[in-house]
Amino acid sequence: MKRILLLSMLLLAVYGFGKKELKWVAIGDSITYLNDHLDETGNRVSKGYMTRVAEKLPFLHYINKGYNGWTAGRIADHFDSLYIPEADVYTVFLGTNDWWQGRPIGTPEDYETNTGNHTIYGSFRTIVDHLRKISPQARIILITPMKRTDFVYLFNQKNTAWGSYREKNGQTLGQVAAAVVNVGQLAHIPVIDLYNDKKLGEKKLVHFKRLKNPQTRAYQNYAYPGFQKIPFNPETDEYPYPEAAIYLTYDGLHPSDKGNEIIASRIAAVLKQ
């Protein structure tokens, strides 16, 4: 019995007390921001991806630097005023708002030659350079935007956006994700590619979108991609994503508990390395 107790104490010392605590700063948009503002999901989300990663890796302590609606361009432009602290690990989870706002992707040369914050490539160069200046030894991990379907804001139905199945200003969200992957190759830093993650496909983002049948005017549940051509009137129609529609997102864009769990598992797997 004493030998078992002694062995248990030894293992605790090696694998428990011996584990170095790490500081993780998560830089992102509303998907990151909402982790600590669950009331703004209508409490449709119980835990965000950061909380879930911290539960999987208790030695990791996160700081939320997510900004609602922000682009990589705005992060880069206001970086000095964001007070990003020193850390052991940084994740940069941006790009979906850059796509929706029509920011030009640019070219790899924008990153390599540091042409400035005029393109998505240039914005990521600015962000990576700032992080390397703050903590030269820190690990940086990029996260591509995940696919999205028709977004309707839970608290304002007039706030809508179509999904990544369409182009915006002649660019696809897939091209933005590819640019983030390319930045990782240029900067020699790992990338978690959520856009091409098979578990985060368009068909799984919502179970259905509840819309009025154009012929009968009766509400009907349309699965992806059937709802793409069915009109939605924010002035008169009911909210199209009731709780039964929640799958990997709760509003077509922002991850649900299931979506956040997949994201967290991907990040934790990389951090364990």
Foldseek 3Di string as FASTA:
>chain_A
DVVVVVVVVVCCVVPPVVDAAWEEEEAEEVLLVCQPVCVQVVVLADGFLVVVLCVVPVSYDYDGNYYYLDALLVCLVCVVVSCDAQTQEYEYEHQPSCQQVVQAQDDCVCLVVLVDSRHVSNSVNSVVVVNCVRYVNHAYEYEQAAWFAWFARPVARVDIDGTQVDGDNPHGSVVRLVSSCVSCVVVVHHYHYNHPPPVRDQQQQWVFWWAQDPVPRDTDTHGPPRCVPGDDDRVDDDHGQDSNGGGQARGRGHGHNNVSNVVNVSVSVVVVD
